[in-house]
Every structure is written in structure tokens, then in C-alpha cells.
C-alpha atoms as a PDB file:
ATOM      1  CA  MET A   1       1.718  10.585 -12.263  1.00  0.00           C
ATOM      2  CA  ILE A   2       0.732   6.946 -11.550  1.00  0.00           C
ATOM      3  CA  ALA A   3      -1.492   5.377 -14.231  1.00  0.00           C
ATOM      4  CA  ILE A   4      -4.991   4.977 -12.870  1.00  0.00           C
ATOM      5  CA  ASN A   5      -7.439   2.452 -14.258  1.00  0.00           C
ATOM      6  CA  PRO A   6     -10.421   4.374 -15.695  1.00  0.00           C
ATOM      7  CA  ALA A   7     -12.774   1.516 -14.969  1.00  0.00           C
ATOM      8  CA  ARG A   8     -13.537   2.009 -11.305  1.00  0.00           C
ATOM      9  CA  LYS A   9     -15.621  -1.189 -11.200  1.00  0.00           C
ATOM     10  CA  ASN A  10     -12.632  -3.169 -11.983  1.00  0.00           C
ATOM     11  CA  PRO A  11      -9.648  -1.537 -10.185  1.00  0.00           C
ATOM     12  CA  THR A  12      -7.287  -4.521 -10.608  1.00  0.00           C
ATOM     13  CA  THR A  13      -5.176  -2.887 -13.189  1.00  0.00           C
ATOM     14  CA  TYR A  14      -4.646   0.073 -10.881  1.00  0.00           C
ATOM     15  CA  ARG A  15      -3.595  -2.357  -8.160  1.00  0.00           C
ATOM     16  CA  ILE A  16      -1.068  -4.114 -10.400  1.00  0.00           C
ATOM     17  CA  VAL A  17       0.502  -0.742 -11.445  1.00  0.00           C
ATOM     18  CA  LEU A  18       0.876   0.194  -7.795  1.00  0.00           C
ATOM     19  CA  LEU A  19       2.618  -3.041  -6.863  1.00  0.00           C
ATOM     20  CA  PHE A  20       5.840  -1.870  -8.552  1.00  0.00           C
ATOM     21  CA  VAL A  21       5.562   1.513  -6.946  1.00  0.00           C
ATOM     22  CA  TYR A  22       5.209  -0.006  -3.528  1.00  0.00           C
ATOM     23  CA  VAL A  23       8.244  -2.154  -4.023  1.00  0.00           C
ATOM     24  CA  SER A  24      10.336   0.934  -4.600  1.00  0.00           C
ATOM     25  CA  ILE A  25       8.661   2.820  -1.798  1.00  0.00           C
ATOM     26  CA  VAL A  26       9.458   0.337   0.914  1.00  0.00           C
ATOM     27  CA  SER A  27      12.902  -0.715  -0.218  1.00  0.00           C
ATOM     28  CA  ALA A  28      15.391   0.322   2.501  1.00  0.00           C
ATOM     29  CA  CYS A  29      19.061   0.995   2.328  1.00  0.00           C
ATOM     30  CA  ALA A  30      20.827   0.149   5.501  1.00  0.00           C
ATOM     31  CA  SER A  31      23.699  -1.774   7.068  1.00  0.00           C
ATOM     32  CA  THR A  32      24.993  -2.491  10.515  1.00  0.00           C
ATOM     33  CA  GLY A  33      26.266   0.598  12.118  1.00  0.00           C
ATOM     34  CA  PRO A  34      29.736   0.905  13.727  1.00  0.00           C
ATOM     35  CA  SER A  35      30.423  -1.161  16.786  1.00  0.00           C
ATOM     36  CA  GLY A  36      27.250  -3.147  16.274  1.00  0.00           C
ATOM     37  CA  THR A  37      24.925  -0.235  16.837  1.00  0.00           C
ATOM     38  CA  PRO A  38      21.540  -0.415  15.001  1.00  0.00           C
ATOM     39  CA  ALA A  39      21.484   1.078  11.536  1.00  0.00           C
ATOM     40  CA  HIS A  40      18.967   3.775  10.831  1.00  0.00           C
ATOM     41  CA  ILE A  41      16.656   2.631   8.047  1.00  0.00           C
ATOM     42  CA  GLU A  42      14.863   5.483   6.324  1.00  0.00           C
ATOM     43  CA  ILE A  43      12.058   4.711   3.978  1.00  0.00           C
ATOM     44  CA  GLN A  44      10.919   7.768   1.942  1.00  0.00           C
ATOM     45  CA  SER A  45       7.706   7.533  -0.031  1.00  0.00           C
ATOM     46  CA  GLU A  46       6.867   9.563  -3.139  1.00  0.00           C
ATOM     47  CA  VAL A  47       3.751  10.932  -1.402  1.00  0.00           C
ATOM     48  CA  GLY A  48       5.689  12.754   1.281  1.00  0.00           C
ATOM     49  CA  PHE A  49       6.079  10.720   4.458  1.00  0.00           C
ATOM     50  CA  THR A  50       9.221   9.142   5.869  1.00  0.00           C
ATOM     51  CA  ILE A  51       9.185   6.004   7.998  1.00  0.00           C
ATOM     52  CA  THR A  52      12.264   5.047  10.052  1.00  0.00           C
ATOM     53  CA  GLU A  53      13.315   1.779  11.574  1.00  0.00           C
ATOM     54  CA  ASN A  54      16.322   0.975  13.824  1.00  0.00           C
ATOM     55  CA  ALA A  55      17.779  -2.524  13.180  1.00  0.00           C
ATOM     56  CA  HIS A  56      20.901  -4.655  13.136  1.00  0.00           C
ATOM     57  CA  ILE A  57      21.150  -5.700   9.471  1.00  0.00           C
ATOM     58  CA  SER A  58      24.189  -7.060   7.690  1.00  0.00           C
ATOM     59  CA  GLY A  59      25.442  -5.975   4.370  1.00  0.00           C
ATOM     60  CA  GLY A  60      24.708  -9.404   2.994  1.00  0.00           C
ATOM     61  CA  LEU A  61      21.124  -9.192   4.134  1.00  0.00           C
ATOM     62  CA  ARG A  62      20.757  -5.759   2.580  1.00  0.00           C
ATOM     63  CA  SER A  63      22.139  -7.164  -0.697  1.00  0.00           C
ATOM     64  CA  ASP A  64      19.682 -10.094  -0.630  1.00  0.00           C
ATOM     65  CA  TYR A  65      16.781  -7.715   0.093  1.00  0.00           C
ATOM     66  CA  GLU A  66      17.677  -5.459  -2.812  1.00  0.00           C
ATOM     67  CA  GLN A  67      18.136  -8.574  -5.154  1.00  0.00           C
ATOM     68  CA  ALA A  68      14.727  -9.870  -4.085  1.00  0.00           C
ATOM     69  CA  LEU A  69      13.080  -6.596  -4.951  1.00  0.00           C
ATOM     70  CA  ALA A  70      14.871  -6.521  -8.333  1.00  0.00           C
ATOM     71  CA  LEU A  71      13.731 -10.056  -9.161  1.00  0.00           C
ATOM     72  CA  LEU A  72      10.101  -9.084  -8.370  1.00  0.00           C
ATOM     73  CA  GLU A  73      10.390  -6.016 -10.522  1.00  0.00           C
ATOM     74  CA  GLN A  74      11.739  -8.221 -13.379  1.00  0.00           C
ATOM     75  CA  GLY A  75       8.762 -10.606 -12.986  1.00  0.00           C
ATOM     76  CA  ASP A  76      10.764 -13.485 -11.510  1.00  0.00           C
ATOM     77  CA  HIS A  77       8.278 -13.996  -8.649  1.00  0.00           C
ATOM     78  CA  ASP A  78       9.275 -17.432  -7.485  1.00  0.00           C
ATOM     79  CA  ARG A  79      12.878 -16.510  -6.825  1.00  0.00           C
ATOM     80  CA  GLY A  80      11.894 -13.074  -5.572  1.00  0.00           C
ATOM     81  CA  LEU A  81       9.467 -14.538  -3.029  1.00  0.00           C
ATOM     82  CA  ALA A  82      11.950 -17.147  -1.942  1.00  0.00           C
ATOM     83  CA  MET A  83      14.600 -14.521  -1.277  1.00  0.00           C
ATOM     84  CA  LEU A  84      12.184 -12.183   0.532  1.00  0.00           C
ATOM     85  CA  GLU A  85      11.055 -15.045   2.694  1.00  0.00           C
ATOM     86  CA  ALA A  86      14.730 -15.627   3.699  1.00  0.00           C
ATOM     87  CA  VAL A  87      15.101 -11.888   4.413  1.00  0.00           C
ATOM     88  CA  VAL A  88      11.997 -11.922   6.573  1.00  0.00           C
ATOM     89  CA  GLU A  89      13.150 -15.025   8.443  1.00  0.00           C
ATOM     90  CA  ALA A  90      16.505 -13.364   9.146  1.00  0.00           C
ATOM     91  CA  ALA A  91      15.000 -10.065  10.225  1.00  0.00           C
ATOM     92  CA  PRO A  92      11.429 -10.744  11.380  1.00  0.00           C
ATOM     93  CA  HIS A  93      11.272  -7.506  13.361  1.00  0.00           C
ATOM     94  CA  LEU A  94      11.543  -5.265  10.214  1.00  0.00           C
ATOM     95  CA  SER A  95       8.271  -4.162   8.687  1.00  0.00           C
ATOM     96  CA  ALA A  96       9.536  -3.121   5.248  1.00  0.00           C
ATOM     97  CA  PRO A  97      10.468  -6.635   3.991  1.00  0.00           C
ATOM     98  CA  ARG A  98       7.123  -7.995   5.402  1.00  0.00           C
ATOM     99  CA  ILE A  99       5.204  -5.362   3.414  1.00  0.00           C
ATOM    100  CA  ASP A 100       7.085  -6.197   0.195  1.00  0.00           C
ATOM    101  CA  LEU A 101       6.378  -9.881   0.861  1.00  0.00           C
ATOM    102  CA  GLY A 102       2.678  -9.192   1.404  1.00  0.00           C
ATOM    103  CA  VAL A 103       2.534  -7.138  -1.711  1.00  0.00           C
ATOM    104  CA  ALA A 104       4.289  -9.828  -3.696  1.00  0.00           C
ATOM    105  CA  TYR A 105       1.968 -12.533  -2.453  1.00  0.00           C
ATOM    106  CA  HIS A 106      -0.965 -10.276  -3.329  1.00  0.00           C
ATOM    107  CA  ARG A 107       0.219  -9.943  -6.838  1.00  0.00           C
ATOM    108  CA  ASP A 108       0.642 -13.738  -6.952  1.00  0.00           C
ATOM    109  CA  GLY A 109      -3.009 -14.117  -5.963  1.00  0.00           C
ATOM    110  CA  ASN A 110      -2.295 -15.562  -2.525  1.00  0.00           C
ATOM    111  CA  LEU A 111      -4.422 -13.195  -0.474  1.00  0.00           C
ATOM    112  CA  GLU A 112      -4.124 -15.332   2.604  1.00  0.00           C
ATOM    113  CA  ALA A 113      -0.376 -15.066   2.672  1.00  0.00           C
ATOM    114  CA  ALA A 114      -0.471 -11.335   1.716  1.00  0.00           C
ATOM    115  CA  GLU A 115      -2.838 -10.719   4.688  1.00  0.00           C
ATOM    116  CA  GLU A 116      -0.636 -12.725   7.085  1.00  0.00           C
ATOM    117  CA  ASN A 117       2.470 -10.785   6.192  1.00  0.00           C
ATOM    118  CA  LEU A 118       0.841  -7.393   6.289  1.00  0.00           C
ATOM    119  CA  LEU A 119      -0.536  -8.100   9.766  1.00  0.00           C
ATOM    120  CA  LEU A 120       2.882  -9.126  10.892  1.00  0.00           C
ATOM    121  CA  ALA A 121       4.349  -5.972   9.447  1.00  0.00           C
ATOM    122  CA  LEU A 122       1.788  -4.053  11.570  1.00  0.00           C
ATOM    123  CA  ASP A 123       2.730  -6.037  14.566  1.00  0.00           C
ATOM    124  CA  ALA A 124       6.300  -4.742  13.984  1.00  0.00           C
ATOM    125  CA  ASN A 125       5.255  -1.126  13.120  1.00  0.00           C
ATOM    126  CA  PRO A 126       1.587  -0.309  13.958  1.00  0.00           C
ATOM    127  CA  ASP A 127       1.926   3.178  12.357  1.00  0.00           C
ATOM    128  CA  HIS A 128       2.966   2.065   8.862  1.00  0.00           C
ATOM    129  CA  PRO A 129       0.451   3.707   6.424  1.00  0.00           C
ATOM    130  CA  ILE A 130       1.482   1.612   3.499  1.00  0.00           C
ATOM    131  CA  ALA A 131       0.766  -1.660   5.403  1.00  0.00           C
ATOM    132  CA  HIS A 132      -2.634  -0.405   6.415  1.00  0.00           C
ATOM    133  CA  ASN A 133      -3.463   0.694   2.878  1.00  0.00           C
ATOM    134  CA  GLU A 134      -2.322  -2.648   1.413  1.00  0.00           C
ATOM    135  CA  LEU A 135      -4.266  -4.565   4.015  1.00  0.00           C
ATOM    136  CA  GLY A 136      -7.344  -2.563   3.115  1.00  0.00           C
ATOM    137  CA  ILE A 137      -7.039  -3.691  -0.486  1.00  0.00           C
ATOM    138  CA  VAL A 138      -6.830  -7.304   0.606  1.00  0.00           C
ATOM    139  CA  TYR A 139      -9.842  -6.900   2.914  1.00  0.00           C
ATOM    140  CA  ARG A 140     -11.855  -5.333  -0.021  1.00  0.00           C
ATOM    141  CA  LYS A 141     -10.980  -8.128  -2.354  1.00  0.00           C
ATOM    142  CA  THR A 142     -12.069 -10.717   0.215  1.00  0.00           C
ATOM    143  CA  GLY A 143     -15.363  -8.977   0.849  1.00  0.00           C
ATOM    144  CA  ARG A 144     -14.593  -7.509   4.296  1.00  0.00           C
ATOM    145  CA  PHE A 145     -15.633  -4.031   3.399  1.00  0.00           C
ATOM    146  CA  THR A 146     -15.963  -2.729   7.005  1.00  0.00           C
ATOM    147  CA  LYS A 147     -12.444  -3.885   7.841  1.00  0.00           C
ATOM    148  CA  ALA A 148     -11.164  -2.449   4.500  1.00  0.00           C
ATOM    149  CA  ARG A 149     -12.563   0.950   5.470  1.00  0.00           C
ATOM    150  CA  GLN A 150     -10.998   0.748   8.864  1.00  0.00           C
ATOM    151  CA  SER A 151      -7.652  -0.020   7.287  1.00  0.00           C
ATOM    152  CA  TYR A 152      -7.811   2.914   4.911  1.00  0.00           C
ATOM    153  CA  LEU A 153      -8.859   5.224   7.726  1.00  0.00           C
ATOM    154  CA  ALA A 154      -5.973   4.022   9.819  1.00  0.00           C
ATOM    155  CA  ALA A 155      -3.555   4.829   7.002  1.00  0.00           C
ATOM    156  CA  LEU A 156      -5.035   8.263   6.668  1.00  0.00           C
ATOM    157  CA  ALA A 157      -4.992   8.902  10.313  1.00  0.00           C
ATOM    158  CA  ILE A 158      -1.243   8.408  10.237  1.00  0.00           C
ATOM    159  CA  TYR A 159      -0.726  10.351   7.111  1.00  0.00           C
ATOM    160  CA  PRO A 160      -3.722  12.412   5.824  1.00  0.00           C
ATOM    161  CA  GLY A 161      -2.058  13.289   2.637  1.00  0.00           C
ATOM    162  CA  TYR A 162      -1.647   9.631   1.498  1.00  0.00           C
ATOM    163  CA  HIS A 163      -3.665  10.014  -1.717  1.00  0.00           C
ATOM    164  CA  TYR A 164      -3.540   6.317  -2.685  1.00  0.00           C
ATOM    165  CA  ALA A 165      -5.371   5.417   0.557  1.00  0.00           C
ATOM    166  CA  ARG A 166      -7.801   8.409  -0.037  1.00  0.00           C
ATOM    167  CA  ARG A 167      -8.609   7.122  -3.483  1.00  0.00           C
ATOM    168  CA  ASN A 168      -9.047   3.545  -2.367  1.00  0.00           C
ATOM    169  CA  LEU A 169     -11.387   4.649   0.381  1.00  0.00           C
ATOM    170  CA  ALA A 170     -13.446   6.667  -2.147  1.00  0.00           C
ATOM    171  CA  ILE A 171     -13.696   3.709  -4.413  1.00  0.00           C
ATOM    172  CA  LEU A 172     -14.753   1.452  -1.538  1.00  0.00           C
ATOM    173  CA  CYS A 173     -17.380   3.911  -0.356  1.00  0.00           C
ATOM    174  CA  ASP A 174     -18.625   4.520  -3.876  1.00  0.00           C
ATOM    175  CA  LEU A 175     -18.783   0.981  -5.297  1.00  0.00           C
ATOM    176  CA  TYR A 176     -18.961  -1.305  -2.301  1.00  0.00           C
ATOM    177  CA  LEU A 177     -20.546   0.536   0.581  1.00  0.00           C
ATOM    178  CA  ALA A 178     -23.018   2.814  -1.344  1.00  0.00           C
ATOM    179  CA  ASP A 179     -21.860   5.647   0.979  1.00  0.00           C
ATOM    180  CA  LEU A 180     -21.968   8.606  -1.495  1.00  0.00           C
ATOM    181  CA  ASP A 181     -21.114  11.264   1.086  1.00  0.00           C
ATOM    182  CA  CYS A 182     -17.979   9.333   2.014  1.00  0.00           C
ATOM    183  CA  ALA A 183     -17.084   8.708  -1.616  1.00  0.00           C
ATOM    184  CA  LEU A 184     -17.513  12.420  -2.607  1.00  0.00           C
ATOM    185  CA  ASP A 185     -15.493  13.677   0.443  1.00  0.00           C
ATOM    186  CA  ASN A 186     -12.575  11.350  -0.286  1.00  0.00           C
ATOM    187  CA  TYR A 187     -12.646  11.818  -4.049  1.00  0.00           C
ATOM    188  CA  GLU A 188     -12.516  15.579  -3.502  1.00  0.00           C
ATOM    189  CA  ALA A 189      -9.658  15.183  -0.978  1.00  0.00           C
ATOM    190  CA  TYR A 190      -7.863  12.977  -3.430  1.00  0.00           C
ATOM    191  CA  MET A 191      -8.269  15.550  -6.214  1.00  0.00           C
ATOM    192  CA  ALA A 192      -6.801  18.241  -3.914  1.00  0.00           C
ATOM    193  CA  ALA A 193      -3.658  16.121  -3.818  1.00  0.00           C
ATOM    194  CA  VAL A 194      -3.840  14.997  -7.506  1.00  0.00           C
ATOM    195  CA  PRO A 195      -5.552  17.840  -9.294  1.00  0.00           C
ATOM    196  CA  GLY A 196      -4.597  16.609 -12.814  1.00  0.00           C
ATOM    197  CA  ASP A 197      -6.652  13.378 -12.551  1.00  0.00           C
ATOM    198  CA  ASP A 198      -9.404  14.012 -15.122  1.00  0.00           C
ATOM    199  CA  GLU A 199     -10.956  10.552 -14.520  1.00  0.00           C
ATOM    200  CA  ALA A 200     -11.535  11.432 -10.868  1.00  0.00           C
ATOM    201  CA  SER A 201     -13.188  14.626 -11.875  1.00  0.00           C
ATOM    202  CA  ILE A 202     -15.677  12.547 -13.968  1.00  0.00           C
ATOM    203  CA  TRP A 203     -16.365  10.301 -10.962  1.00  0.00           C
ATOM    204  CA  ILE A 204     -17.016  13.266  -8.717  1.00  0.00           C
ATOM    205  CA  ALA A 205     -19.465  14.659 -11.284  1.00  0.00           C
ATOM    206  CA  ASP A 206     -21.212  11.250 -11.484  1.00  0.00           C
ATOM    207  CA  ILE A 207     -21.564  11.076  -7.708  1.00  0.00           C
ATOM    208  CA  ARG A 208     -22.927  14.570  -7.492  1.00  0.00           C
ATOM    209  CA  MET A 209     -25.539  13.674 -10.215  1.00  0.00           C
ATOM    210  CA  ARG A 210     -26.613  10.490  -8.341  1.00  0.00           C
ATOM    211  CA  MET A 211     -26.848  12.372  -5.072  1.00  0.00           C
ATOM    212  CA  GLY A 212     -28.995  15.043  -6.836  1.00  0.00           C
ATOM    213  CA  GLN A 213     -31.307  12.272  -8.198  1.00  0.00           C
ATOM    214  CA  LEU A 214     -31.699  10.851  -4.726  1.00  0.00           C
ATOM    215  CA  GLU A 215     -32.671  14.296  -3.385  1.00  0.00           C
ATOM    216  CA  ASN A 216     -35.362  14.801  -6.108  1.00  0.00           C
END
């Protein structure tokens, strides 16, 4: 169970916790196939979807990628970012390193660079739910709430069971868009996937109470 920040009005802590999850989600294990054929990169997330990419990637590049992710996990962001930039430059057609780079820049507070890399990741793979979800968080933090909603919905259109995106959409509708119907629907869908989240149960009760007050 991922730790979830109980203070919905300040979801930054939740975001920081998820950074390390996404680093592990999008790390890929691949090498150049025999006779120069593209290797099959398979990215398996802990929420049930699998993303595949075919690419020519050397063993050295794979090693650099894994080392960059390890450095980021260890908190060595400067070296980790530099290595990821080199990996992205060597394999600009791959979406996974771009997403990791966007997430790393996000954690560093450089939302402009985070957005740039997430958009480039979507250029490479428009159907990447993690990229859409991450981009939605960037849009929310920069006050572009309509675009954030569109990004979360895009992630959920690709993988409806992606409960991180479901939760982020619920928070957006609840706290930033004042759309209680949207918030309730998505909190309930999130709870169906994560039934043990007692905090979300409290939030659902709070929304129902507010909706009842509006009706009276």
C-alpha cells in the first residue's frame, strides 16, 4: 500500500512518495536483440498494465539507465539527471527514460522541464498512462486545471483501473474544480481499487455531507 498524504489540500507529500514508485515502474530491462533486431522492452506497473516498446538499445545504455535510476533513488539528483539526459539523448525515441526524466525534474521543482519531457514522452508513445498522469499533476501545480483534468481522463481512457490517476482526478475535482459529482464518482472508483484506504472513506463521507447541504 502506497502511503497517502491525509491532508488533501496539500498533496505534495503524496507526490514525493510516488516519485520513487514511478522510477521503479518505468525502468526497463532490455538490450539489443540478436543480429541487430530491436529488443522488446516490457514495462510492468504494479497497478496491472504492461507497456511495450521495441528499440535498439545497447547493453551500455541499459546500464547507464539503470545507474541513473539508482542515483535518483539514492537522492543524488544532479548525477542522476545528468545520466538520464545522456540516455535520452542517445535514445530519444524511447518514452520510458523521458518519463523518468520528467518525474525527476518535477521532484527538483523544475516544472517547465518536467512538462517538456513528459510531452516528448507522449510524442513517442501517446498511449502511455503514466505520462498522462504525471503531466496532469504538472498542469494542476501550474494552475491549468482543465488541462490537468484532460490528462487524467486520458490516462484513465487507456487504463481505467489506474487508481493513482483516479485519485488525482478526484482530488482535482474536489479541491480545484468544485465538481463534487466528479469527485465522488472518482473517489468511489478509487476505493473500489484500494478498499483499505480509510482516509478516502472519510473524504467520500465529507463530499456526501457537502452535497446534502447544497440540496437542503
